[in-house]
Amino acid sequence: MIFLEKIIDKESFFEIIAKRRSIRVFSNDPVPKADLERILAAATFAPSGTNSQPWHFVVVKTESIRKKMAAAVEAKMDEILTWPETADKVRRINAYRRSFTFFGDAPVVIAVLGKDHQTIVRKTIESHGVVQSRNRPSSAHLSVAAAIQNLLLFASVLGYGTCWMTGPLIAAQEIEEILGVEEPWYLSSVVPLGRPAEHPVIRSRKGLDKVVTWMP
C-alpha cells in the first residue's frame, strides 16, 4: 500500500472511477494493438476465486464480424417479437433494439468469456444436496465481472470509451458460433471500445446513507 501511495495520486484515481461513463457512440479512429494489450493486461490483474482466472477475451476488429454479431442480436429480437407473449410489448421491446446492437459500430468489440469454477468446498456442499445459488453467486461470474471493471477503468485512463453490455446475450449462442467459442467457455459480456464521440453527463449516484449500513 505504501508503494501504491508513492505512484498514484489518490484523488486522481478516485476521479477516474467517478467520471467513467458508458459510451455508446464512437469515432472511427483505430485503436492501436499496444493500447489493447495494456487494457487487457489490466483486466487480467483482477482478483479471482482461488486465483482461477476464469476469463478469456476475444478481440474483434474486423467490421464484417462485428456487424454479423449485431445482426444476430437483431434477428433474435425479431424472433422474440413473434412470440405470443410479446404481442402487447412490441413498442417496449423495440425500444431496446439500438441499445442491444450499437456495439457493431465501435472500432473494437471485446467479447468477454467466462467458464465455471467451483472450489472443492463448494462441490462438497452441493454434493451433499445443499444449493447455495441464492446466497452465494458463482465465483466465476464475480471474477469475470472484476476483470471487466479493470478493463473499463484502464481504458478510460488511456482515453477510450467503453460500455459493459449484457443485452446482446439474448443471442449468446449465435455469437458464440460466430466467434468459434467452445465449451467450457461461454459468452459473459460484450464490451465495445473506441474513442468517444459523445460526452454523456455525469449521472447522480445514491448517497452512502442509501446504500451503506453501519453496524455498531
C-alpha atoms as a PDB file:
ATOM      1  CA  MET A   1       0.000   0.000   0.000  1.00  0.00           C
ATOM      2  CA  ILE A   2       2.864   2.384   0.753  1.00  0.00           C
ATOM      3  CA  PHE A   3       4.288   1.611  -2.688  1.00  0.00           C
ATOM      4  CA  LEU A   4       0.967   2.444  -4.368  1.00  0.00           C
ATOM      5  CA  GLU A   5       0.713   5.713  -2.485  1.00  0.00           C
ATOM      6  CA  LYS A   6       4.040   6.741  -3.987  1.00  0.00           C
ATOM      7  CA  ILE A   7       2.953   6.223  -7.602  1.00  0.00           C
ATOM      8  CA  ILE A   8      -0.773   7.027  -7.523  1.00  0.00           C
ATOM      9  CA  ASP A   9      -2.455  10.274  -6.641  1.00  0.00           C
ATOM     10  CA  LYS A  10      -5.458   9.134  -4.617  1.00  0.00           C
ATOM     11  CA  GLU A  11      -7.726  11.974  -5.719  1.00  0.00           C
ATOM     12  CA  SER A  12      -6.882  11.412  -9.380  1.00  0.00           C
ATOM     13  CA  PHE A  13      -7.646   7.720  -9.060  1.00  0.00           C
ATOM     14  CA  PHE A  14     -10.988   8.452  -7.409  1.00  0.00           C
ATOM     15  CA  GLU A  15     -11.770  10.927 -10.198  1.00  0.00           C
ATOM     16  CA  ILE A  16     -11.095   8.254 -12.823  1.00  0.00           C
ATOM     17  CA  ILE A  17     -13.600   5.974 -11.112  1.00  0.00           C
ATOM     18  CA  ALA A  18     -16.193   8.699 -10.584  1.00  0.00           C
ATOM     19  CA  LYS A  19     -16.010  10.144 -14.106  1.00  0.00           C
ATOM     20  CA  ARG A  20     -16.017   6.923 -16.119  1.00  0.00           C
ATOM     21  CA  ARG A  21     -19.080   6.810 -18.344  1.00  0.00           C
ATOM     22  CA  SER A  22     -20.736   4.247 -20.576  1.00  0.00           C
ATOM     23  CA  ILE A  23     -20.096   5.342 -24.163  1.00  0.00           C
ATOM     24  CA  ARG A  24     -22.459   4.331 -26.961  1.00  0.00           C
ATOM     25  CA  VAL A  25     -21.164   6.450 -29.851  1.00  0.00           C
ATOM     26  CA  PHE A  26     -17.580   6.067 -31.041  1.00  0.00           C
ATOM     27  CA  SER A  27     -15.276   7.734 -33.529  1.00  0.00           C
ATOM     28  CA  ASN A  28     -13.728   5.697 -36.331  1.00  0.00           C
ATOM     29  CA  ASP A  29     -10.210   6.245 -35.009  1.00  0.00           C
ATOM     30  CA  PRO A  30      -8.241   2.982 -34.993  1.00  0.00           C
ATOM     31  CA  VAL A  31      -7.196   1.508 -31.665  1.00  0.00           C
ATOM     32  CA  PRO A  32      -3.509   0.512 -31.592  1.00  0.00           C
ATOM     33  CA  LYS A  33      -2.789  -3.074 -30.597  1.00  0.00           C
ATOM     34  CA  ALA A  34      -0.359  -1.835 -27.944  1.00  0.00           C
ATOM     35  CA  ASP A  35      -3.181   0.018 -26.185  1.00  0.00           C
ATOM     36  CA  LEU A  36      -5.449  -3.022 -26.360  1.00  0.00           C
ATOM     37  CA  GLU A  37      -2.724  -5.192 -24.879  1.00  0.00           C
ATOM     38  CA  ARG A  38      -2.287  -2.832 -21.922  1.00  0.00           C
ATOM     39  CA  ILE A  39      -6.037  -2.668 -21.343  1.00  0.00           C
ATOM     40  CA  LEU A  40      -6.374  -6.453 -21.445  1.00  0.00           C
ATOM     41  CA  ALA A  41      -3.351  -6.870 -19.192  1.00  0.00           C
ATOM     42  CA  ALA A  42      -5.077  -4.632 -16.637  1.00  0.00           C
ATOM     43  CA  ALA A  43      -8.132  -6.877 -16.851  1.00  0.00           C
ATOM     44  CA  THR A  44      -6.072  -9.958 -16.054  1.00  0.00           C
ATOM     45  CA  PHE A  45      -4.858  -8.461 -12.778  1.00  0.00           C
ATOM     46  CA  ALA A  46      -8.364  -8.597 -11.337  1.00  0.00           C
ATOM     47  CA  PRO A  47      -8.927 -10.810  -8.291  1.00  0.00           C
ATOM     48  CA  SER A  48     -10.489 -14.217  -8.905  1.00  0.00           C
ATOM     49  CA  GLY A  49     -11.706 -17.061  -6.734  1.00  0.00           C
ATOM     50  CA  THR A  50      -8.742 -19.290  -5.773  1.00  0.00           C
ATOM     51  CA  ASN A  51      -6.793 -17.457  -8.496  1.00  0.00           C
ATOM     52  CA  SER A  52      -8.746 -19.436 -11.090  1.00  0.00           C
ATOM     53  CA  GLN A  53      -8.639 -16.557 -13.619  1.00  0.00           C
ATOM     54  CA  PRO A  54     -11.746 -17.911 -15.412  1.00  0.00           C
ATOM     55  CA  TRP A  55     -11.710 -15.357 -18.235  1.00  0.00           C
ATOM     56  CA  HIS A  56     -10.812 -15.133 -21.886  1.00  0.00           C
ATOM     57  CA  PHE A  57     -11.072 -12.159 -24.239  1.00  0.00           C
ATOM     58  CA  VAL A  58     -11.916 -12.311 -27.939  1.00  0.00           C
ATOM     59  CA  VAL A  59     -10.896  -9.059 -29.629  1.00  0.00           C
ATOM     60  CA  VAL A  60     -12.945  -8.311 -32.745  1.00  0.00           C
ATOM     61  CA  LYS A  61     -11.619  -5.557 -35.013  1.00  0.00           C
ATOM     62  CA  THR A  62     -12.977  -6.809 -38.346  1.00  0.00           C
ATOM     63  CA  GLU A  63     -16.072  -4.804 -39.273  1.00  0.00           C
ATOM     64  CA  SER A  64     -17.836  -7.672 -41.029  1.00  0.00           C
ATOM     65  CA  ILE A  65     -17.632  -9.833 -37.901  1.00  0.00           C
ATOM     66  CA  ARG A  66     -18.834  -7.007 -35.644  1.00  0.00           C
ATOM     67  CA  LYS A  67     -21.788  -6.423 -37.955  1.00  0.00           C
ATOM     68  CA  LYS A  68     -22.547 -10.140 -38.064  1.00  0.00           C
ATOM     69  CA  MET A  69     -22.650 -10.224 -34.266  1.00  0.00           C
ATOM     70  CA  ALA A  70     -25.013  -7.251 -34.155  1.00  0.00           C
ATOM     71  CA  ALA A  71     -27.180  -8.789 -36.881  1.00  0.00           C
ATOM     72  CA  ALA A  72     -27.508 -11.945 -34.779  1.00  0.00           C
ATOM     73  CA  VAL A  73     -28.908  -9.838 -31.946  1.00  0.00           C
ATOM     74  CA  GLU A  74     -31.308  -8.095 -34.354  1.00  0.00           C
ATOM     75  CA  ALA A  75     -32.507 -11.469 -35.631  1.00  0.00           C
ATOM     76  CA  LYS A  76     -33.070 -12.723 -32.097  1.00  0.00           C
ATOM     77  CA  MET A  77     -35.130  -9.642 -31.278  1.00  0.00           C
ATOM     78  CA  ASP A  78     -37.219 -10.241 -34.408  1.00  0.00           C
ATOM     79  CA  GLU A  79     -37.748 -13.827 -33.263  1.00  0.00           C
ATOM     80  CA  ILE A  80     -38.797 -12.712 -29.782  1.00  0.00           C
ATOM     81  CA  LEU A  81     -41.398 -10.407 -31.320  1.00  0.00           C
ATOM     82  CA  THR A  82     -43.086 -13.433 -32.938  1.00  0.00           C
ATOM     83  CA  TRP A  83     -43.788 -14.984 -29.555  1.00  0.00           C
ATOM     84  CA  PRO A  84     -47.444 -14.702 -28.466  1.00  0.00           C
ATOM     85  CA  GLU A  85     -46.496 -13.283 -25.075  1.00  0.00           C
ATOM     86  CA  THR A  86     -44.833 -10.255 -26.707  1.00  0.00           C
ATOM     87  CA  ALA A  87     -47.895  -9.128 -28.682  1.00  0.00           C
ATOM     88  CA  ASP A  88     -48.612  -6.262 -26.290  1.00  0.00           C
ATOM     89  CA  LYS A  89     -44.944  -5.398 -25.706  1.00  0.00           C
ATOM     90  CA  VAL A  90     -43.720  -4.674 -29.245  1.00  0.00           C
ATOM     91  CA  ARG A  91     -43.013  -0.977 -28.705  1.00  0.00           C
ATOM     92  CA  ARG A  92     -41.189  -1.537 -25.416  1.00  0.00           C
ATOM     93  CA  ILE A  93     -39.092  -4.379 -26.804  1.00  0.00           C
ATOM     94  CA  ASN A  94     -38.191  -2.428 -29.946  1.00  0.00           C
ATOM     95  CA  ALA A  95     -37.027   0.415 -27.713  1.00  0.00           C
ATOM     96  CA  TYR A  96     -34.147  -1.839 -26.683  1.00  0.00           C
ATOM     97  CA  ARG A  97     -33.079  -2.651 -30.232  1.00  0.00           C
ATOM     98  CA  ARG A  98     -30.476   0.098 -30.624  1.00  0.00           C
ATOM     99  CA  SER A  99     -29.279  -0.349 -27.035  1.00  0.00           C
ATOM    100  CA  PHE A 100     -28.541  -4.017 -27.734  1.00  0.00           C
ATOM    101  CA  THR A 101     -26.818  -3.595 -31.114  1.00  0.00           C
ATOM    102  CA  PHE A 102     -24.823  -0.328 -31.179  1.00  0.00           C
ATOM    103  CA  PHE A 103     -21.656  -2.258 -30.329  1.00  0.00           C
ATOM    104  CA  GLY A 104     -21.429  -3.183 -34.008  1.00  0.00           C
ATOM    105  CA  ASP A 105     -20.456   0.416 -34.820  1.00  0.00           C
ATOM    106  CA  ALA A 106     -17.460   0.526 -32.461  1.00  0.00           C
ATOM    107  CA  PRO A 107     -13.959   0.103 -33.933  1.00  0.00           C
ATOM    108  CA  VAL A 108     -13.255  -2.725 -31.474  1.00  0.00           C
ATOM    109  CA  VAL A 109     -15.530  -5.188 -29.726  1.00  0.00           C
ATOM    110  CA  ILE A 110     -14.220  -7.327 -26.883  1.00  0.00           C
ATOM    111  CA  ALA A 111     -16.250 -10.462 -26.256  1.00  0.00           C
ATOM    112  CA  VAL A 112     -15.584 -11.459 -22.658  1.00  0.00           C
ATOM    113  CA  LEU A 113     -15.807 -15.178 -21.998  1.00  0.00           C
ATOM    114  CA  GLY A 114     -16.079 -16.988 -18.702  1.00  0.00           C
ATOM    115  CA  LYS A 115     -16.009 -20.578 -17.554  1.00  0.00           C
ATOM    116  CA  ASP A 116     -17.394 -22.221 -14.469  1.00  0.00           C
ATOM    117  CA  HIS A 117     -15.145 -22.769 -11.490  1.00  0.00           C
ATOM    118  CA  GLN A 118     -16.032 -24.349  -8.183  1.00  0.00           C
ATOM    119  CA  THR A 119     -13.844 -24.840  -5.155  1.00  0.00           C
ATOM    120  CA  ILE A 120     -13.644 -28.249  -3.528  1.00  0.00           C
ATOM    121  CA  VAL A 121     -15.684 -26.835  -0.637  1.00  0.00           C
ATOM    122  CA  ARG A 122     -18.476 -25.680  -2.965  1.00  0.00           C
ATOM    123  CA  LYS A 123     -18.507 -29.018  -4.775  1.00  0.00           C
ATOM    124  CA  THR A 124     -18.685 -30.899  -1.475  1.00  0.00           C
ATOM    125  CA  ILE A 125     -21.534 -28.751  -0.173  1.00  0.00           C
ATOM    126  CA  GLU A 126     -23.562 -29.173  -3.359  1.00  0.00           C
ATOM    127  CA  SER A 127     -22.918 -32.926  -3.466  1.00  0.00           C
ATOM    128  CA  HIS A 128     -24.493 -33.018  -0.017  1.00  0.00           C
ATOM    129  CA  GLY A 129     -27.664 -31.589  -1.540  1.00  0.00           C
ATOM    130  CA  VAL A 130     -27.272 -28.018  -0.332  1.00  0.00           C
ATOM    131  CA  VAL A 131     -27.910 -25.444  -3.074  1.00  0.00           C
ATOM    132  CA  GLN A 132     -26.313 -22.078  -2.344  1.00  0.00           C
ATOM    133  CA  SER A 133     -27.069 -20.167  -5.542  1.00  0.00           C
ATOM    134  CA  ARG A 134     -29.241 -17.596  -3.762  1.00  0.00           C
ATOM    135  CA  ASN A 135     -26.747 -16.832  -1.030  1.00  0.00           C
ATOM    136  CA  ARG A 136     -23.524 -17.421  -2.895  1.00  0.00           C
ATOM    137  CA  PRO A 137     -23.249 -16.256  -6.522  1.00  0.00           C
ATOM    138  CA  SER A 138     -20.834 -18.113  -8.776  1.00  0.00           C
ATOM    139  CA  SER A 139     -17.269 -17.072  -8.015  1.00  0.00           C
ATOM    140  CA  ALA A 140     -16.548 -17.378 -11.746  1.00  0.00           C
ATOM    141  CA  HIS A 141     -19.198 -14.772 -12.620  1.00  0.00           C
ATOM    142  CA  LEU A 142     -17.894 -12.418  -9.951  1.00  0.00           C
ATOM    143  CA  SER A 143     -14.285 -12.930 -11.039  1.00  0.00           C
ATOM    144  CA  VAL A 144     -15.084 -12.143 -14.676  1.00  0.00           C
ATOM    145  CA  ALA A 145     -17.008  -9.059 -13.562  1.00  0.00           C
ATOM    146  CA  ALA A 146     -13.956  -7.836 -11.645  1.00  0.00           C
ATOM    147  CA  ALA A 147     -11.817  -8.277 -14.770  1.00  0.00           C
ATOM    148  CA  ILE A 148     -14.305  -6.282 -16.830  1.00  0.00           C
ATOM    149  CA  GLN A 149     -14.252  -3.438 -14.318  1.00  0.00           C
ATOM    150  CA  ASN A 150     -10.450  -3.306 -14.530  1.00  0.00           C
ATOM    151  CA  LEU A 151     -10.750  -3.235 -18.314  1.00  0.00           C
ATOM    152  CA  LEU A 152     -13.245  -0.359 -18.271  1.00  0.00           C
ATOM    153  CA  LEU A 153     -11.224   1.731 -15.847  1.00  0.00           C
ATOM    154  CA  PHE A 154      -7.873   1.388 -17.577  1.00  0.00           C
ATOM    155  CA  ALA A 155      -9.453   2.001 -20.979  1.00  0.00           C
ATOM    156  CA  SER A 156     -10.755   5.260 -19.511  1.00  0.00           C
ATOM    157  CA  VAL A 157      -7.255   6.144 -18.297  1.00  0.00           C
ATOM    158  CA  LEU A 158      -6.000   5.794 -21.885  1.00  0.00           C
ATOM    159  CA  GLY A 159      -8.814   7.980 -23.206  1.00  0.00           C
ATOM    160  CA  TYR A 160     -11.069   5.269 -24.597  1.00  0.00           C
ATOM    161  CA  GLY A 161     -14.787   4.863 -24.101  1.00  0.00           C
ATOM    162  CA  THR A 162     -16.422   1.544 -23.318  1.00  0.00           C
ATOM    163  CA  CYS A 163     -19.792   0.116 -22.428  1.00  0.00           C
ATOM    164  CA  TRP A 164     -20.382  -3.033 -20.404  1.00  0.00           C
ATOM    165  CA  MET A 165     -23.146  -4.838 -22.297  1.00  0.00           C
ATOM    166  CA  THR A 166     -25.207  -7.902 -21.434  1.00  0.00           C
ATOM    167  CA  GLY A 167     -28.174  -7.139 -23.702  1.00  0.00           C
ATOM    168  CA  PRO A 168     -26.504  -8.933 -26.656  1.00  0.00           C
ATOM    169  CA  LEU A 169     -26.570 -12.130 -24.587  1.00  0.00           C
ATOM    170  CA  ILE A 170     -30.077 -12.759 -25.904  1.00  0.00           C
ATOM    171  CA  ALA A 171     -28.134 -14.089 -28.917  1.00  0.00           C
ATOM    172  CA  ALA A 172     -25.294 -15.614 -26.892  1.00  0.00           C
ATOM    173  CA  GLN A 173     -25.400 -18.966 -28.685  1.00  0.00           C
ATOM    174  CA  GLU A 174     -25.331 -17.344 -32.116  1.00  0.00           C
ATOM    175  CA  ILE A 175     -22.469 -15.012 -31.171  1.00  0.00           C
ATOM    176  CA  GLU A 176     -20.513 -17.909 -29.689  1.00  0.00           C
ATOM    177  CA  GLU A 177     -20.868 -19.737 -33.005  1.00  0.00           C
ATOM    178  CA  ILE A 178     -19.710 -16.675 -34.949  1.00  0.00           C
ATOM    179  CA  LEU A 179     -16.620 -16.381 -32.735  1.00  0.00           C
ATOM    180  CA  GLY A 180     -15.910 -20.117 -32.546  1.00  0.00           C
ATOM    181  CA  VAL A 181     -16.390 -20.271 -28.780  1.00  0.00           C
ATOM    182  CA  GLU A 182     -16.381 -23.809 -27.419  1.00  0.00           C
ATOM    183  CA  GLU A 183     -17.205 -25.313 -24.031  1.00  0.00           C
ATOM    184  CA  PRO A 184     -16.344 -24.855 -21.223  1.00  0.00           C
ATOM    185  CA  TRP A 185     -16.282 -21.194 -22.287  1.00  0.00           C
ATOM    186  CA  TYR A 186     -19.437 -19.097 -22.562  1.00  0.00           C
ATOM    187  CA  LEU A 187     -20.142 -15.508 -23.570  1.00  0.00           C
ATOM    188  CA  SER A 188     -20.324 -13.380 -20.433  1.00  0.00           C
ATOM    189  CA  SER A 189     -20.427  -9.807 -21.765  1.00  0.00           C
ATOM    190  CA  VAL A 190     -19.754  -7.666 -24.811  1.00  0.00           C
ATOM    191  CA  VAL A 191     -17.607  -4.537 -24.465  1.00  0.00           C
ATOM    192  CA  PRO A 192     -17.352  -2.098 -27.402  1.00  0.00           C
ATOM    193  CA  LEU A 193     -14.280   0.135 -27.227  1.00  0.00           C
ATOM    194  CA  GLY A 194     -13.061   3.217 -29.055  1.00  0.00           C
ATOM    195  CA  ARG A 195     -12.506   6.952 -28.829  1.00  0.00           C
ATOM    196  CA  PRO A 196     -15.703   8.594 -27.523  1.00  0.00           C
ATOM    197  CA  ALA A 197     -17.814  10.571 -29.982  1.00  0.00           C
ATOM    198  CA  GLU A 198     -20.168  11.676 -27.223  1.00  0.00           C
ATOM    199  CA  HIS A 199     -19.784  13.052 -23.733  1.00  0.00           C
ATOM    200  CA  PRO A 200     -22.664  11.894 -21.522  1.00  0.00           C
ATOM    201  CA  VAL A 201     -23.492  13.932 -18.453  1.00  0.00           C
ATOM    202  CA  ILE A 202     -22.453  12.566 -15.100  1.00  0.00           C
ATOM    203  CA  ARG A 203     -25.404  10.747 -13.608  1.00  0.00           C
ATOM    204  CA  SER A 204     -26.161  11.106  -9.952  1.00  0.00           C
ATOM    205  CA  ARG A 205     -25.399   8.311  -7.526  1.00  0.00           C
ATOM    206  CA  LYS A 206     -27.276   7.316  -4.423  1.00  0.00           C
ATOM    207  CA  GLY A 207     -25.748   8.756  -1.274  1.00  0.00           C
ATOM    208  CA  LEU A 208     -23.934   6.486   1.146  1.00  0.00           C
ATOM    209  CA  ASP A 209     -26.849   6.863   3.538  1.00  0.00           C
ATOM    210  CA  LYS A 210     -28.954   4.951   0.984  1.00  0.00           C
ATOM    211  CA  VAL A 211     -26.561   2.096   0.262  1.00  0.00           C
ATOM    212  CA  VAL A 212     -24.494   1.569   3.419  1.00  0.00           C
ATOM    213  CA  THR A 213     -25.492   0.116   6.771  1.00  0.00           C
ATOM    214  CA  TRP A 214     -23.026   0.815   9.574  1.00  0.00           C
ATOM    215  CA  MET A 215     -23.142  -1.885  12.219  1.00  0.00           C
ATOM    216  CA  PRO A 216     -22.325  -0.879  15.818  1.00  0.00           C
END
